[in-house]
């Protein structure tokens, strides 16, 4: 899949390319995490959003239509704006360390 972009404000013909409301601002989204299936990706995206990082969870259309949760079409993806990718990756690494510590305590 190519690099996804999103338009925050619809482009107004009178305000062609302006950076004020009504102008067009394109954001490049990058994948920071992959999961087995869409549901875990949605949970992770929700955690990032709770921390103030805009996030999207998505799955390839064919995999979603067929209900796949394994393989390339079954992977869930978590994407964030490119300028927040490092912050999101650091937060996800911290969460994984906390989870590992919690699992070690349980044993």
PDB file of N, CA and C in Angstrom:
ATOM      1  N   UNK A   1       0.848  -1.168   0.000  1.00  0.00           N
ATOM      2  CA  UNK A   1       0.000   0.000   0.000  1.00  0.00           C
ATOM      3  C   UNK A   1       0.893   1.230   0.000  1.00  0.00           C
ATOM      4  N   UNK A   2       0.543   2.211  -0.762  1.00  0.00           N
ATOM      5  CA  UNK A   2       1.339   3.438  -0.808  1.00  0.00           C
ATOM      6  C   UNK A   2       1.145   4.237   0.468  1.00  0.00           C
ATOM      7  N   UNK A   3       1.915   5.284   0.608  1.00  0.00           N
ATOM      8  CA  UNK A   3       1.832   6.102   1.812  1.00  0.00           C
ATOM      9  C   UNK A   3       0.478   6.801   1.873  1.00  0.00           C
ATOM     10  N   UNK A   4      -0.326   6.494   2.909  1.00  0.00           N
ATOM     11  CA  UNK A   4      -1.643   7.123   3.006  1.00  0.00           C
ATOM     12  C   UNK A   4      -1.528   8.585   3.421  1.00  0.00           C
ATOM     13  N   UNK A   5      -2.410   9.381   2.897  1.00  0.00           N
ATOM     14  CA  UNK A   5      -2.491  10.779   3.297  1.00  0.00           C
ATOM     15  C   UNK A   5      -3.925  11.098   3.624  1.00  0.00           C
ATOM     16  N   UNK A   6      -4.127  12.133   4.377  1.00  0.00           N
ATOM     17  CA  UNK A   6      -5.474  12.556   4.739  1.00  0.00           C
ATOM     18  C   UNK A   6      -5.562  14.057   4.586  1.00  0.00           C
ATOM     19  N   UNK A   7      -6.712  14.517   4.196  1.00  0.00           N
ATOM     20  CA  UNK A   7      -6.941  15.945   4.103  1.00  0.00           C
ATOM     21  C   UNK A   7      -7.734  16.363   5.325  1.00  0.00           C
ATOM     22  N   UNK A   8      -7.171  17.252   6.120  1.00  0.00           N
ATOM     23  CA  UNK A   8      -7.837  17.676   7.337  1.00  0.00           C
ATOM     24  C   UNK A   8      -8.991  18.608   7.023  1.00  0.00           C
ATOM     25  N   UNK A   9      -8.762  19.586   6.178  1.00  0.00           N
ATOM     26  CA  UNK A   9      -9.815  20.518   5.793  1.00  0.00           C
ATOM     27  C   UNK A   9     -10.062  20.379   4.299  1.00  0.00           C
ATOM     28  N   UNK A  10     -11.325  20.355   3.879  1.00  0.00           N
ATOM     29  CA  UNK A  10     -11.567  20.308   2.443  1.00  0.00           C
ATOM     30  C   UNK A  10     -11.032  21.572   1.782  1.00  0.00           C
ATOM     31  N   UNK A  11     -10.483  21.414   0.598  1.00  0.00           N
ATOM     32  CA  UNK A  11      -9.897  22.559  -0.093  1.00  0.00           C
ATOM     33  C   UNK A  11     -10.988  23.436  -0.684  1.00  0.00           C
ATOM     34  N   UNK A  12     -10.909  24.701  -0.398  1.00  0.00           N
ATOM     35  CA  UNK A  12     -11.854  25.693  -0.895  1.00  0.00           C
ATOM     36  C   UNK A  12     -11.264  26.317  -2.152  1.00  0.00           C
ATOM     37  N   UNK A  13     -12.050  26.408  -3.212  1.00  0.00           N
ATOM     38  CA  UNK A  13     -11.561  26.964  -4.478  1.00  0.00           C
ATOM     39  C   UNK A  13     -11.075  28.398  -4.313  1.00  0.00           C
ATOM     40  N   UNK A  14     -11.702  29.185  -3.429  1.00  0.00           N
ATOM     41  CA  UNK A  14     -11.295  30.570  -3.209  1.00  0.00           C
ATOM     42  C   UNK A  14     -10.017  30.671  -2.381  1.00  0.00           C
ATOM     43  N   UNK A  15      -9.715  29.631  -1.621  1.00  0.00           N
ATOM     44  CA  UNK A  15      -8.577  29.626  -0.707  1.00  0.00           C
ATOM     45  C   UNK A  15      -7.555  28.589  -1.141  1.00  0.00           C
ATOM     46  N   UNK A  16      -7.287  28.491  -2.412  1.00  0.00           N
ATOM     47  CA  UNK A  16      -6.460  27.436  -2.981  1.00  0.00           C
ATOM     48  C   UNK A  16      -5.112  27.310  -2.268  1.00  0.00           C
ATOM     49  N   UNK A  17      -4.955  26.242  -1.461  1.00  0.00           N
ATOM     50  CA  UNK A  17      -3.695  25.959  -0.791  1.00  0.00           C
ATOM     51  C   UNK A  17      -3.425  26.779   0.452  1.00  0.00           C
ATOM     52  N   UNK A  18      -4.359  27.574   0.916  1.00  0.00           N
ATOM     53  CA  UNK A  18      -4.134  28.386   2.115  1.00  0.00           C
ATOM     54  C   UNK A  18      -4.010  27.478   3.329  1.00  0.00           C
ATOM     55  N   UNK A  19      -3.319  27.937   4.347  1.00  0.00           N
ATOM     56  CA  UNK A  19      -3.155  27.134   5.557  1.00  0.00           C
ATOM     57  C   UNK A  19      -4.122  27.555   6.649  1.00  0.00           C
ATOM     58  N   UNK A  20      -5.122  28.292   6.300  1.00  0.00           N
ATOM     59  CA  UNK A  20      -6.159  28.681   7.244  1.00  0.00           C
ATOM     60  C   UNK A  20      -7.340  27.738   7.078  1.00  0.00           C
ATOM     61  N   UNK A  21      -8.283  27.725   8.026  1.00  0.00           N
ATOM     62  CA  UNK A  21      -9.442  26.856   7.861  1.00  0.00           C
ATOM     63  C   UNK A  21     -10.062  27.040   6.483  1.00  0.00           C
ATOM     64  N   UNK A  22     -10.357  25.916   5.862  1.00  0.00           N
ATOM     65  CA  UNK A  22     -10.874  25.937   4.505  1.00  0.00           C
ATOM     66  C   UNK A  22      -9.786  25.617   3.502  1.00  0.00           C
ATOM     67  N   UNK A  23      -8.513  25.691   3.941  1.00  0.00           N
ATOM     68  CA  UNK A  23      -7.393  25.334   3.075  1.00  0.00           C
ATOM     69  C   UNK A  23      -7.146  23.841   3.150  1.00  0.00           C
ATOM     70  N   UNK A  24      -6.144  23.379   2.467  1.00  0.00           N
ATOM     71  CA  UNK A  24      -5.843  21.957   2.442  1.00  0.00           C
ATOM     72  C   UNK A  24      -4.519  21.702   3.156  1.00  0.00           C
ATOM     73  N   UNK A  25      -4.521  20.765   4.081  1.00  0.00           N
ATOM     74  CA  UNK A  25      -3.316  20.383   4.806  1.00  0.00           C
ATOM     75  C   UNK A  25      -3.180  18.872   4.694  1.00  0.00           C
ATOM     76  N   UNK A  26      -2.162  18.422   4.025  1.00  0.00           N
ATOM     77  CA  UNK A  26      -1.960  17.000   3.800  1.00  0.00           C
ATOM     78  C   UNK A  26      -1.034  16.440   4.872  1.00  0.00           C
ATOM     79  N   UNK A  27      -1.407  15.291   5.425  1.00  0.00           N
ATOM     80  CA  UNK A  27      -0.622  14.644   6.471  1.00  0.00           C
ATOM     81  C   UNK A  27      -0.188  13.277   5.966  1.00  0.00           C
ATOM     82  N   UNK A  28       1.095  12.964   6.125  1.00  0.00           N
ATOM     83  CA  UNK A  28       1.603  11.648   5.741  1.00  0.00           C
ATOM     84  C   UNK A  28       1.533  10.732   6.962  1.00  0.00           C
ATOM     85  N   UNK A  29       0.847   9.606   6.804  1.00  0.00           N
ATOM     86  CA  UNK A  29       0.690   8.631   7.876  1.00  0.00           C
ATOM     87  C   UNK A  29       1.691   7.501   7.674  1.00  0.00           C
ATOM     88  N   UNK A  30       2.294   7.034   8.766  1.00  0.00           N
ATOM     89  CA  UNK A  30       3.234   5.919   8.704  1.00  0.00           C
ATOM     90  C   UNK A  30       2.801   4.845   9.698  1.00  0.00           C
ATOM     91  N   UNK A  31       3.064   3.603   9.343  1.00  0.00           N
ATOM     92  CA  UNK A  31       2.712   2.478  10.208  1.00  0.00           C
ATOM     93  C   UNK A  31       3.781   2.318  11.282  1.00  0.00           C
ATOM     94  N   UNK A  32       3.339   2.301  12.541  1.00  0.00           N
ATOM     95  CA  UNK A  32       4.277   2.157  13.656  1.00  0.00           C
ATOM     96  C   UNK A  32       4.137   0.816  14.366  1.00  0.00           C
ATOM     97  N   UNK A  33       3.068   0.061  14.049  1.00  0.00           N
ATOM     98  CA  UNK A  33       2.855  -1.211  14.738  1.00  0.00           C
ATOM     99  C   UNK A  33       1.988  -2.110  13.879  1.00  0.00           C
ATOM    100  N   UNK A  34       2.284  -3.411  13.896  1.00  0.00           N
ATOM    101  CA  UNK A  34       1.470  -4.402  13.188  1.00  0.00           C
ATOM    102  C   UNK A  34       0.990  -5.439  14.190  1.00  0.00           C
ATOM    103  N   UNK A  35      -0.241  -5.896  14.000  1.00  0.00           N
ATOM    104  CA  UNK A  35      -0.842  -6.869  14.902  1.00  0.00           C
ATOM    105  C   UNK A  35      -1.446  -8.011  14.095  1.00  0.00           C
ATOM    106  N   UNK A  36      -1.870  -9.050  14.789  1.00  0.00           N
ATOM    107  CA  UNK A  36      -2.611 -10.135  14.155  1.00  0.00           C
ATOM    108  C   UNK A  36      -4.089  -9.776  14.209  1.00  0.00           C
ATOM    109  N   UNK A  37      -4.595  -9.185  13.174  1.00  0.00           N
ATOM    110  CA  UNK A  37      -6.004  -8.816  13.106  1.00  0.00           C
ATOM    111  C   UNK A  37      -6.235  -7.350  13.420  1.00  0.00           C
ATOM    112  N   UNK A  38      -7.445  -6.902  13.098  1.00  0.00           N
ATOM    113  CA  UNK A  38      -7.801  -5.497  13.246  1.00  0.00           C
ATOM    114  C   UNK A  38      -8.096  -5.099  14.692  1.00  0.00           C
ATOM    115  N   UNK A  39      -8.719  -5.984  15.462  1.00  0.00           N
ATOM    116  CA  UNK A  39      -9.130  -5.621  16.821  1.00  0.00           C
ATOM    117  C   UNK A  39      -7.960  -5.183  17.705  1.00  0.00           C
ATOM    118  N   UNK A  40      -6.855  -5.937  17.768  1.00  0.00           N
ATOM    119  CA  UNK A  40      -5.728  -5.450  18.574  1.00  0.00           C
ATOM    120  C   UNK A  40      -5.180  -4.115  18.072  1.00  0.00           C
ATOM    121  N   UNK A  41      -5.206  -3.907  16.756  1.00  0.00           N
ATOM    122  CA  UNK A  41      -4.739  -2.630  16.201  1.00  0.00           C
ATOM    123  C   UNK A  41      -5.631  -1.486  16.671  1.00  0.00           C
ATOM    124  N   UNK A  42      -6.939  -1.732  16.751  1.00  0.00           N
ATOM    125  CA  UNK A  42      -7.863  -0.703  17.228  1.00  0.00           C
ATOM    126  C   UNK A  42      -7.611  -0.381  18.700  1.00  0.00           C
ATOM    127  N   UNK A  43      -7.291  -1.386  19.488  1.00  0.00           N
ATOM    128  CA  UNK A  43      -6.998  -1.169  20.913  1.00  0.00           C
ATOM    129  C   UNK A  43      -5.732  -0.325  21.065  1.00  0.00           C
ATOM    130  N   UNK A  44      -4.703  -0.660  20.305  1.00  0.00           N
ATOM    131  CA  UNK A  44      -3.443   0.085  20.379  1.00  0.00           C
ATOM    132  C   UNK A  44      -3.637   1.516  19.891  1.00  0.00           C
ATOM    133  N   UNK A  45      -4.387   1.689  18.805  1.00  0.00           N
ATOM    134  CA  UNK A  45      -4.666   3.043  18.303  1.00  0.00           C
ATOM    135  C   UNK A  45      -5.419   3.849  19.356  1.00  0.00           C
ATOM    136  N   UNK A  46      -6.339   3.215  20.057  1.00  0.00           N
ATOM    137  CA  UNK A  46      -7.072   3.896  21.125  1.00  0.00           C
ATOM    138  C   UNK A  46      -6.157   4.341  22.250  1.00  0.00           C
ATOM    139  N   UNK A  47      -5.177   3.506  22.591  1.00  0.00           N
ATOM    140  CA  UNK A  47      -4.218   3.883  23.642  1.00  0.00           C
ATOM    141  C   UNK A  47      -3.391   5.083  23.207  1.00  0.00           C
ATOM    142  N   UNK A  48      -2.939   5.076  21.941  1.00  0.00           N
ATOM    143  CA  UNK A  48      -2.168   6.214  21.436  1.00  0.00           C
ATOM    144  C   UNK A  48      -3.010   7.487  21.460  1.00  0.00           C
ATOM    145  N   UNK A  49      -4.272   7.378  21.060  1.00  0.00           N
ATOM    146  CA  UNK A  49      -5.151   8.549  21.074  1.00  0.00           C
ATOM    147  C   UNK A  49      -5.369   9.051  22.498  1.00  0.00           C
ATOM    148  N   UNK A  50      -5.454   8.124  23.458  1.00  0.00           N
ATOM    149  CA  UNK A  50      -5.608   8.523  24.859  1.00  0.00           C
ATOM    150  C   UNK A  50      -4.387   9.296  25.348  1.00  0.00           C
ATOM    151  N   UNK A  51      -3.238   9.040  24.738  1.00  0.00           N
ATOM    152  CA  UNK A  51      -2.001   9.749  25.083  1.00  0.00           C
ATOM    153  C   UNK A  51      -1.812  11.008  24.248  1.00  0.00           C
ATOM    154  N   UNK A  52      -2.815  11.344  23.423  1.00  0.00           N
ATOM    155  CA  UNK A  52      -2.758  12.578  22.644  1.00  0.00           C
ATOM    156  C   UNK A  52      -2.116  12.447  21.270  1.00  0.00           C
ATOM    157  N   UNK A  53      -1.925  11.219  20.801  1.00  0.00           N
ATOM    158  CA  UNK A  53      -1.327  10.993  19.483  1.00  0.00           C
ATOM    159  C   UNK A  53      -2.424  10.522  18.532  1.00  0.00           C
ATOM    160  N   UNK A  54      -2.721  11.274  17.480  1.00  0.00           N
ATOM    161  CA  UNK A  54      -3.728  10.815  16.520  1.00  0.00           C
ATOM    162  C   UNK A  54      -3.284   9.483  15.911  1.00  0.00           C
ATOM    163  N   UNK A  55      -4.193   8.527  15.824  1.00  0.00           N
ATOM    164  CA  UNK A  55      -3.837   7.206  15.310  1.00  0.00           C
ATOM    165  C   UNK A  55      -4.994   6.616  14.515  1.00  0.00           C
ATOM    166  N   UNK A  56      -4.638   5.746  13.587  1.00  0.00           N
ATOM    167  CA  UNK A  56      -5.623   5.028  12.781  1.00  0.00           C
ATOM    168  C   UNK A  56      -5.290   3.546  12.815  1.00  0.00           C
ATOM    169  N   UNK A  57      -6.316   2.729  12.941  1.00  0.00           N
ATOM    170  CA  UNK A  57      -6.155   1.287  12.821  1.00  0.00           C
ATOM    171  C   UNK A  57      -6.774   0.879  11.494  1.00  0.00           C
ATOM    172  N   UNK A  58      -6.065   0.030  10.747  1.00  0.00           N
ATOM    173  CA  UNK A  58      -6.599  -0.401   9.466  1.00  0.00           C
ATOM    174  C   UNK A  58      -6.093  -1.791   9.110  1.00  0.00           C
ATOM    175  N   UNK A  59      -6.809  -2.395   8.183  1.00  0.00           N
ATOM    176  CA  UNK A  59      -6.460  -3.710   7.672  1.00  0.00           C
ATOM    177  C   UNK A  59      -6.705  -3.689   6.168  1.00  0.00           C
ATOM    178  N   UNK A  60      -5.923  -4.446   5.418  1.00  0.00           N
ATOM    179  CA  UNK A  60      -6.142  -4.526   3.974  1.00  0.00           C
ATOM    180  C   UNK A  60      -7.603  -4.884   3.720  1.00  0.00           C
ATOM    181  N   UNK A  61      -8.201  -4.253   2.732  1.00  0.00           N
ATOM    182  CA  UNK A  61      -9.625  -4.425   2.448  1.00  0.00           C
ATOM    183  C   UNK A  61     -10.033  -5.864   2.204  1.00  0.00           C
ATOM    184  N   UNK A  62      -9.242  -6.608   1.440  1.00  0.00           N
ATOM    185  CA  UNK A  62      -9.591  -7.997   1.141  1.00  0.00           C
ATOM    186  C   UNK A  62      -9.571  -8.842   2.411  1.00  0.00           C
ATOM    187  N   UNK A  63      -8.580  -8.622   3.250  1.00  0.00           N
ATOM    188  CA  UNK A  63      -8.498  -9.364   4.505  1.00  0.00           C
ATOM    189  C   UNK A  63      -9.661  -9.056   5.422  1.00  0.00           C
ATOM    190  N   UNK A  64     -10.068  -7.797   5.449  1.00  0.00           N
ATOM    191  CA  UNK A  64     -11.193  -7.401   6.289  1.00  0.00           C
ATOM    192  C   UNK A  64     -12.488  -8.004   5.751  1.00  0.00           C
ATOM    193  N   UNK A  65     -12.660  -7.992   4.432  1.00  0.00           N
ATOM    194  CA  UNK A  65     -13.873  -8.537   3.829  1.00  0.00           C
ATOM    195  C   UNK A  65     -13.991 -10.042   4.058  1.00  0.00           C
ATOM    196  N   UNK A  66     -12.853 -10.729   4.061  1.00  0.00           N
ATOM    197  CA  UNK A  66     -12.856 -12.179   4.244  1.00  0.00           C
ATOM    198  C   UNK A  66     -12.757 -12.584   5.712  1.00  0.00           C
ATOM    199  N   UNK A  67     -12.562 -11.629   6.596  1.00  0.00           N
ATOM    200  CA  UNK A  67     -12.457 -11.930   8.022  1.00  0.00           C
ATOM    201  C   UNK A  67     -11.152 -12.601   8.406  1.00  0.00           C
ATOM    202  N   UNK A  68     -10.094 -12.349   7.650  1.00  0.00           N
ATOM    203  CA  UNK A  68      -8.803 -12.967   7.940  1.00  0.00           C
ATOM    204  C   UNK A  68      -8.135 -12.302   9.138  1.00  0.00           C
ATOM    205  N   UNK A  69      -7.460 -13.120   9.953  1.00  0.00           N
ATOM    206  CA  UNK A  69      -6.703 -12.576  11.080  1.00  0.00           C
ATOM    207  C   UNK A  69      -5.258 -13.046  11.071  1.00  0.00           C
ATOM    208  N   UNK A  70      -4.857 -13.789  10.031  1.00  0.00           N
ATOM    209  CA  UNK A  70      -3.471 -14.243   9.915  1.00  0.00           C
ATOM    210  C   UNK A  70      -2.970 -13.956   8.508  1.00  0.00           C
ATOM    211  N   UNK A  71      -1.666 -13.958   8.340  1.00  0.00           N
ATOM    212  CA  UNK A  71      -1.080 -13.713   7.030  1.00  0.00           C
ATOM    213  C   UNK A  71      -1.055 -12.235   6.694  1.00  0.00           C
ATOM    214  N   UNK A  72      -0.546 -11.932   5.506  1.00  0.00           N
ATOM    215  CA  UNK A  72      -0.395 -10.538   5.098  1.00  0.00           C
ATOM    216  C   UNK A  72      -1.723  -9.792   5.042  1.00  0.00           C
ATOM    217  N   UNK A  73      -2.779 -10.453   4.589  1.00  0.00           N
ATOM    218  CA  UNK A  73      -4.075  -9.775   4.510  1.00  0.00           C
ATOM    219  C   UNK A  73      -4.764  -9.679   5.866  1.00  0.00           C
ATOM    220  N   UNK A  74      -4.334 -10.481   6.827  1.00  0.00           N
ATOM    221  CA  UNK A  74      -4.960 -10.465   8.139  1.00  0.00           C
ATOM    222  C   UNK A  74      -4.321  -9.506   9.125  1.00  0.00           C
ATOM    223  N   UNK A  75      -3.151  -8.983   8.793  1.00  0.00           N
ATOM    224  CA  UNK A  75      -2.460  -8.074   9.711  1.00  0.00           C
ATOM    225  C   UNK A  75      -3.251  -6.800   9.940  1.00  0.00           C
ATOM    226  N   UNK A  76      -3.268  -6.355  11.179  1.00  0.00           N
ATOM    227  CA  UNK A  76      -3.789  -5.037  11.505  1.00  0.00           C
ATOM    228  C   UNK A  76      -2.622  -4.065  11.543  1.00  0.00           C
ATOM    229  N   UNK A  77      -2.859  -2.839  11.173  1.00  0.00           N
ATOM    230  CA  UNK A  77      -1.806  -1.824  11.134  1.00  0.00           C
ATOM    231  C   UNK A  77      -2.241  -0.627  11.973  1.00  0.00           C
ATOM    232  N   UNK A  78      -1.299  -0.056  12.701  1.00  0.00           N
ATOM    233  CA  UNK A  78      -1.541   1.172  13.456  1.00  0.00           C
ATOM    234  C   UNK A  78      -0.672   2.246  12.821  1.00  0.00           C
ATOM    235  N   UNK A  79      -1.309   3.306  12.344  1.00  0.00           N
ATOM    236  CA  UNK A  79      -0.590   4.395  11.680  1.00  0.00           C
ATOM    237  C   UNK A  79      -0.789   5.696  12.434  1.00  0.00           C
ATOM    238  N   UNK A  80       0.245   6.521  12.412  1.00  0.00           N
ATOM    239  CA  UNK A  80       0.213   7.843  13.040  1.00  0.00           C
ATOM    240  C   UNK A  80       0.819   8.846  12.064  1.00  0.00           C
ATOM    241  N   UNK A  81       0.578  10.149  12.275  1.00  0.00           N
ATOM    242  CA  UNK A  81       1.237  11.144  11.423  1.00  0.00           C
ATOM    243  C   UNK A  81       2.760  10.983  11.519  1.00  0.00           C
ATOM    244  N   UNK A  82       3.436  11.148  10.385  1.00  0.00           N
ATOM    245  CA  UNK A  82       4.883  10.907  10.316  1.00  0.00           C
ATOM    246  C   UNK A  82       5.666  11.693  11.365  1.00  0.00           C
ATOM    247  N   UNK A  83       5.252  12.926  11.651  1.00  0.00           N
ATOM    248  CA  UNK A  83       6.007  13.736  12.611  1.00  0.00           C
ATOM    249  C   UNK A  83       5.832  13.262  14.052  1.00  0.00           C
ATOM    250  N   UNK A  84       4.890  12.345  14.304  1.00  0.00           N
ATOM    251  CA  UNK A  84       4.686  11.807  15.650  1.00  0.00           C
ATOM    252  C   UNK A  84       5.093  10.338  15.749  1.00  0.00           C
ATOM    253  N   UNK A  85       5.668   9.792  14.683  1.00  0.00           N
ATOM    254  CA  UNK A  85       6.000   8.367  14.649  1.00  0.00           C
ATOM    255  C   UNK A  85       7.013   7.983  15.725  1.00  0.00           C
ATOM    256  N   UNK A  86       8.035   8.790  15.923  1.00  0.00           N
ATOM    257  CA  UNK A  86       9.052   8.465  16.928  1.00  0.00           C
ATOM    258  C   UNK A  86       8.449   8.485  18.332  1.00  0.00           C
ATOM    259  N   UNK A  87       7.640   9.487  18.622  1.00  0.00           N
ATOM    260  CA  UNK A  87       6.987   9.582  19.931  1.00  0.00           C
ATOM    261  C   UNK A  87       6.071   8.377  20.154  1.00  0.00           C
ATOM    262  N   UNK A  88       5.318   7.991  19.122  1.00  0.00           N
ATOM    263  CA  UNK A  88       4.415   6.845  19.231  1.00  0.00           C
ATOM    264  C   UNK A  88       5.200   5.560  19.445  1.00  0.00           C
ATOM    265  N   UNK A  89       6.293   5.381  18.724  1.00  0.00           N
ATOM    266  CA  UNK A  89       7.116   4.178  18.868  1.00  0.00           C
ATOM    267  C   UNK A  89       7.717   4.086  20.263  1.00  0.00           C
ATOM    268  N   UNK A  90       8.161   5.210  20.804  1.00  0.00           N
ATOM    269  CA  UNK A  90       8.711   5.221  22.164  1.00  0.00           C
ATOM    270  C   UNK A  90       7.640   4.852  23.182  1.00  0.00           C
ATOM    271  N   UNK A  91       6.442   5.392  23.014  1.00  0.00           N
ATOM    272  CA  UNK A  91       5.344   5.085  23.926  1.00  0.00           C
ATOM    273  C   UNK A  91       4.980   3.604  23.847  1.00  0.00           C
ATOM    274  N   UNK A  92       4.913   3.052  22.639  1.00  0.00           N
ATOM    275  CA  UNK A  92       4.577   1.640  22.480  1.00  0.00           C
ATOM    276  C   UNK A  92       5.657   0.748  23.084  1.00  0.00           C
ATOM    277  N   UNK A  93       6.921   1.127  22.952  1.00  0.00           N
ATOM    278  CA  UNK A  93       8.013   0.358  23.558  1.00  0.00           C
ATOM    279  C   UNK A  93       7.904   0.390  25.083  1.00  0.00           C
ATOM    280  N   UNK A  94       7.551   1.546  25.626  1.00  0.00           N
ATOM    281  CA  UNK A  94       7.374   1.677  27.076  1.00  0.00           C
ATOM    282  C   UNK A  94       6.223   0.799  27.559  1.00  0.00           C
ATOM    283  N   UNK A  95       5.136   0.778  26.819  1.00  0.00           N
ATOM    284  CA  UNK A  95       3.985  -0.047  27.180  1.00  0.00           C
ATOM    285  C   UNK A  95       4.369  -1.526  27.152  1.00  0.00           C
ATOM    286  N   UNK A  96       5.132  -1.943  26.143  1.00  0.00           N
ATOM    287  CA  UNK A  96       5.566  -3.342  26.066  1.00  0.00           C
ATOM    288  C   UNK A  96       6.453  -3.712  27.246  1.00  0.00           C
ATOM    289  N   UNK A  97       7.351  -2.801  27.645  1.00  0.00           N
ATOM    290  CA  UNK A  97       8.204  -3.070  28.816  1.00  0.00           C
ATOM    291  C   UNK A  97       7.353  -3.221  30.075  1.00  0.00           C
ATOM    292  N   UNK A  98       6.343  -2.366  30.239  1.00  0.00           N
ATOM    293  CA  UNK A  98       5.454  -2.463  31.395  1.00  0.00           C
ATOM    294  C   UNK A  98       4.702  -3.788  31.390  1.00  0.00           C
ATOM    295  N   UNK A  99       4.235  -4.204  30.220  1.00  0.00           N
ATOM    296  CA  UNK A  99       3.510  -5.469  30.116  1.00  0.00           C
ATOM    297  C   UNK A  99       4.409  -6.651  30.442  1.00  0.00           C
ATOM    298  N   UNK A 100       5.658  -6.621  29.959  1.00  0.00           N
ATOM    299  CA  UNK A 100       6.596  -7.696  30.255  1.00  0.00           C
ATOM    300  C   UNK A 100       6.893  -7.757  31.750  1.00  0.00           C
ATOM    301  N   UNK A 101       7.060  -6.607  32.383  1.00  0.00           N
ATOM    302  CA  UNK A 101       7.314  -6.570  33.824  1.00  0.00           C
ATOM    303  C   UNK A 101       6.123  -7.133  34.587  1.00  0.00           C
ATOM    304  N   UNK A 102       4.926  -6.797  34.143  1.00  0.00           N
ATOM    305  CA  UNK A 102       3.714  -7.295  34.795  1.00  0.00           C
ATOM    306  C   UNK A 102       3.619  -8.807  34.647  1.00  0.00           C
ATOM    307  N   UNK A 103       3.938  -9.328  33.445  1.00  0.00           N
ATOM    308  CA  UNK A 103       3.896 -10.772  33.225  1.00  0.00           C
ATOM    309  C   UNK A 103       4.949 -11.484  34.062  1.00  0.00           C
ATOM    310  N   UNK A 104       6.132 -10.884  34.223  1.00  0.00           N
ATOM    311  CA  UNK A 104       7.179 -11.481  35.048  1.00  0.00           C
ATOM    312  C   UNK A 104       6.743 -11.564  36.505  1.00  0.00           C
ATOM    313  N   UNK A 105       6.015 -10.558  36.988  1.00  0.00           N
ATOM    314  CA  UNK A 105       5.519 -10.563  38.365  1.00  0.00           C
ATOM    315  C   UNK A 105       4.505 -11.677  38.578  1.00  0.00           C
ATOM    316  N   UNK A 106       3.720 -11.984  37.557  1.00  0.00           N
ATOM    317  CA  UNK A 106       2.697 -13.019  37.655  1.00  0.00           C
ATOM    318  C   UNK A 106       3.308 -14.406  37.785  1.00  0.00           C
ATOM    319  N   UNK A 107       4.499 -14.605  37.241  1.00  0.00           N
ATOM    320  CA  UNK A 107       5.143 -15.925  37.283  1.00  0.00           C
ATOM    321  C   UNK A 107       5.746 -16.124  38.608  1.00  0.00           C
TER     322      UNK A 107
END
